[in-house]
Protein backbone atom coordinates (compact mmCIF):
# COMPACT_ATOMS: atom_id res chain seq x y z
CA MET A 1 -4.52 -11.12 9.93
CA ASN A 2 -5.31 -9.04 6.86
CA ARG A 3 -2.96 -9.95 4.05
CA LYS A 4 -4.42 -7.47 1.54
CA VAL A 5 -4.40 -3.70 1.18
CA ARG A 6 -6.39 -1.41 -1.10
CA ILE A 7 -3.92 0.81 -2.91
CA ALA A 8 -4.04 3.63 -5.44
CA GLY A 9 -0.68 2.57 -6.84
CA VAL A 10 3.04 2.28 -6.21
CA VAL A 11 6.24 4.02 -7.20
CA LYS A 12 8.99 1.41 -7.49
CA GLU A 13 11.87 3.85 -6.92
CA SER A 14 11.65 7.24 -5.22
CA ILE A 15 14.18 9.56 -3.61
CA VAL A 16 11.63 12.20 -2.52
CA ASP A 17 9.44 10.09 -0.21
CA GLY A 18 11.95 9.37 2.53
CA PRO A 19 15.67 8.74 3.01
CA GLY A 20 17.48 6.67 0.42
CA ILE A 21 15.82 4.80 -2.42
CA ARG A 22 12.25 3.89 -1.48
CA PHE A 23 9.41 1.74 -2.71
CA VAL A 24 6.27 3.84 -2.19
CA VAL A 25 2.80 2.40 -1.64
CA PHE A 26 -0.17 4.78 -1.85
CA ALA A 27 -3.08 3.69 0.32
CA GLN A 28 -6.54 4.11 -1.21
CA GLY A 29 -9.03 5.84 1.06
CA CYS A 30 -8.79 8.89 3.27
CA HIS A 31 -11.23 10.70 5.56
CA HIS A 32 -9.05 13.80 6.04
CA HIS A 33 -9.76 15.48 2.67
CA CYS A 34 -7.08 18.12 3.31
CA ASP A 35 -7.55 21.31 1.34
CA GLY A 36 -4.85 21.32 -1.35
CA CYS A 37 -4.10 17.60 -1.03
CA HIS A 38 -1.63 16.53 -3.72
CA ASN A 39 -3.32 13.14 -3.99
CA PRO A 40 -7.12 13.67 -3.98
CA ALA A 41 -7.67 10.63 -6.20
CA THR A 42 -6.76 8.50 -3.17
CA HIS A 43 -9.70 9.73 -1.03
CA ASP A 44 -12.38 7.33 -2.32
CA PHE A 45 -12.36 4.09 -0.29
CA LYS A 46 -13.91 2.09 -3.13
CA SER A 47 -11.38 2.98 -5.85
CA GLY A 48 -7.93 1.52 -6.37
CA ASN A 49 -6.96 -2.13 -6.33
CA LEU A 50 -6.96 -4.75 -3.62
CA VAL A 51 -3.43 -6.19 -3.56
CA ASP A 52 -1.85 -8.99 -1.58
CA VAL A 53 0.87 -7.84 0.82
CA GLU A 54 3.19 -10.61 -0.41
CA ALA A 55 2.84 -9.37 -4.01
CA ILE A 56 4.17 -5.98 -2.87
CA ILE A 57 7.01 -7.65 -0.95
CA ASP A 58 7.87 -9.76 -4.00
CA GLU A 59 8.03 -6.62 -6.14
CA MET A 60 10.32 -4.93 -3.61
CA LYS A 61 12.68 -7.92 -3.54
CA LYS A 62 13.33 -7.44 -7.27
CA ASN A 63 15.28 -4.25 -6.58
CA PRO A 64 18.48 -4.78 -4.54
CA LEU A 65 19.03 -0.99 -4.36
CA LEU A 66 15.98 -0.28 -2.16
CA ASP A 67 16.65 1.12 1.30
CA GLY A 68 13.06 1.13 2.46
CA ILE A 69 9.36 1.38 1.94
CA THR A 70 7.17 4.45 2.33
CA LEU A 71 3.48 4.08 3.13
CA SER A 72 1.65 7.14 1.86
CA GLY A 73 -1.86 7.93 0.91
CA GLY A 74 -4.63 8.15 1.09
CA GLU A 75 -4.37 7.24 4.75
CA PRO A 76 -2.48 4.04 5.67
CA PHE A 77 -3.92 4.06 9.20
CA GLU A 78 -7.44 3.55 7.76
CA GLN A 79 -6.22 0.09 6.70
CA ALA A 80 -3.93 -0.33 9.68
CA GLU A 81 -4.09 -4.12 9.86
CA GLY A 82 -3.01 -4.69 6.26
CA PHE A 83 -0.42 -1.93 6.28
CA CYS A 84 0.92 -3.20 9.62
CA GLU A 85 1.49 -6.56 7.97
CA LEU A 86 3.25 -4.88 5.04
CA ALA A 87 5.43 -2.83 7.41
CA ARG A 88 6.19 -5.85 9.61
CA ARG A 89 7.20 -8.01 6.63
CA SER A 90 9.32 -5.17 5.23
CA LYS A 91 11.17 -4.74 8.53
CA GLU A 92 11.78 -8.50 8.73
CA LEU A 93 13.58 -8.18 5.40
CA GLY A 94 15.70 -5.28 6.66
CA TYR A 95 13.86 -2.39 5.02
CA HIS A 96 13.39 0.98 6.72
CA VAL A 97 9.69 1.89 7.07
CA MET A 98 8.35 5.44 6.77
CA THR A 99 4.63 6.17 7.10
CA TYR A 100 2.67 9.32 6.26
CA THR A 101 -0.52 10.09 8.16
CA GLY A 102 -2.95 12.95 8.61
CA TYR A 103 -3.33 11.90 12.25
CA THR A 104 -0.96 13.18 14.90
CA TYR A 105 1.33 10.80 16.72
CA GLU A 106 -0.38 11.67 19.99
CA SER A 107 -3.88 10.97 18.62
CA LEU A 108 -2.78 7.55 17.36
CA LEU A 109 -1.50 6.68 20.84
CA GLU A 110 -4.58 8.07 22.61
CA LYS A 111 -7.04 5.92 20.64
CA LYS A 112 -5.33 2.74 21.88
CA ASP A 113 -6.47 0.94 18.70
CA ALA A 114 -4.34 -2.24 18.58
CA ARG A 115 -4.29 -2.29 14.76
CA ARG A 116 -3.14 1.32 14.48
CA LEU A 117 -0.62 0.85 17.29
CA GLY A 118 0.72 -2.18 15.41
CA LEU A 119 1.36 -0.11 12.31
CA LEU A 120 2.94 2.61 14.42
CA GLU A 121 5.21 0.08 16.14
CA ASN A 122 6.40 -1.18 12.75
CA THR A 123 7.16 2.34 11.50
CA ASP A 124 10.65 3.84 11.84
CA LEU A 125 9.79 7.38 10.73
CA LEU A 126 6.32 8.93 10.89
CA VAL A 127 5.30 12.09 9.07
CA ASP A 128 2.25 13.19 11.02
CA GLY A 129 -0.42 15.85 10.75
CA LYS A 130 -2.81 16.97 8.07
CA PHE A 131 -1.48 18.89 5.10
CA GLU A 132 -2.27 22.59 5.65
CA VAL A 133 -2.24 24.61 2.46
CA GLU A 134 -1.61 27.84 4.40
CA ASN A 135 1.59 26.26 5.78
CA LYS A 136 2.70 24.73 2.46
CA SER A 137 6.40 25.01 1.69
CA LEU A 138 8.37 23.51 -1.16
CA MET A 139 11.53 23.91 0.95
CA LEU A 140 10.57 21.21 3.46
CA LYS A 141 12.23 17.84 3.26
CA PHE A 142 9.82 14.88 2.98
CA ARG A 143 6.71 16.82 3.97
CA GLY A 144 4.36 19.37 2.47
CA SER A 145 3.45 21.81 5.24
CA LYS A 146 5.26 23.31 8.23
CA ASN A 147 2.89 21.80 10.79
CA GLN A 148 3.85 18.26 9.80
CA ARG A 149 6.57 16.56 11.82
CA ILE A 150 9.05 13.81 10.99
CA ILE A 151 9.06 11.68 14.11
CA ASP A 152 11.60 9.02 15.05
CA VAL A 153 9.09 6.48 16.30
CA ASN A 154 11.61 4.14 17.94
CA LYS A 155 13.24 6.91 20.00
CA SER A 156 9.83 8.39 20.82
CA ARG A 157 8.61 5.07 22.18
CA GLN A 158 11.82 4.56 24.22
CA GLN A 159 11.72 8.06 25.73
CA ASN A 160 7.91 8.25 26.00
CA GLN A 161 7.84 11.64 24.27
CA VAL A 162 7.92 12.90 20.69
CA ILE A 163 11.46 12.87 19.31
CA LEU A 164 11.85 14.54 15.95
CA SER A 165 14.05 12.86 13.38
CA GLU A 166 17.41 14.37 12.51
CA ILE A 167 16.47 14.33 8.81
CA GLY A 168 13.95 17.10 9.43
CA VAL A 169 16.15 19.34 11.61
CA GLY A 170 16.88 22.80 10.26
CA ILE A 171 14.74 22.32 7.21
């Protein structure tokens, strides 16, 4: 099991990257290269720092106010094994896990990649889809463009269909 992830950085407290107070980890490396990406410095797979998953967990434990962890990017699913471990460990400690991806929920399921499915299974909320500059809106909660969805992964798995999260309804 991969106990390390290559990251661009972290934000120790955020209220804009998911519900509640979040610890945000930015994955380093992304193949999507979305036009207008707000984080183009995360595209290069060789940049950033290789960090032990337990070091991130230890940092999170220092803040008793945290509600959850957000895995952003870059593209966390490009390092699915390491980010799965980070998500799994976070959930064991009672944290809510939110993951951003340029892939769609359906495409992640179709590939049947055990590592990516593992990360998906350890995610509570998934923001899926590439950022589309022509659909950009500053009025959207927790996402950048109208095509992106906030998916309740647990309900979607139970009902075997995409179930959108209540936090994204009407916004």
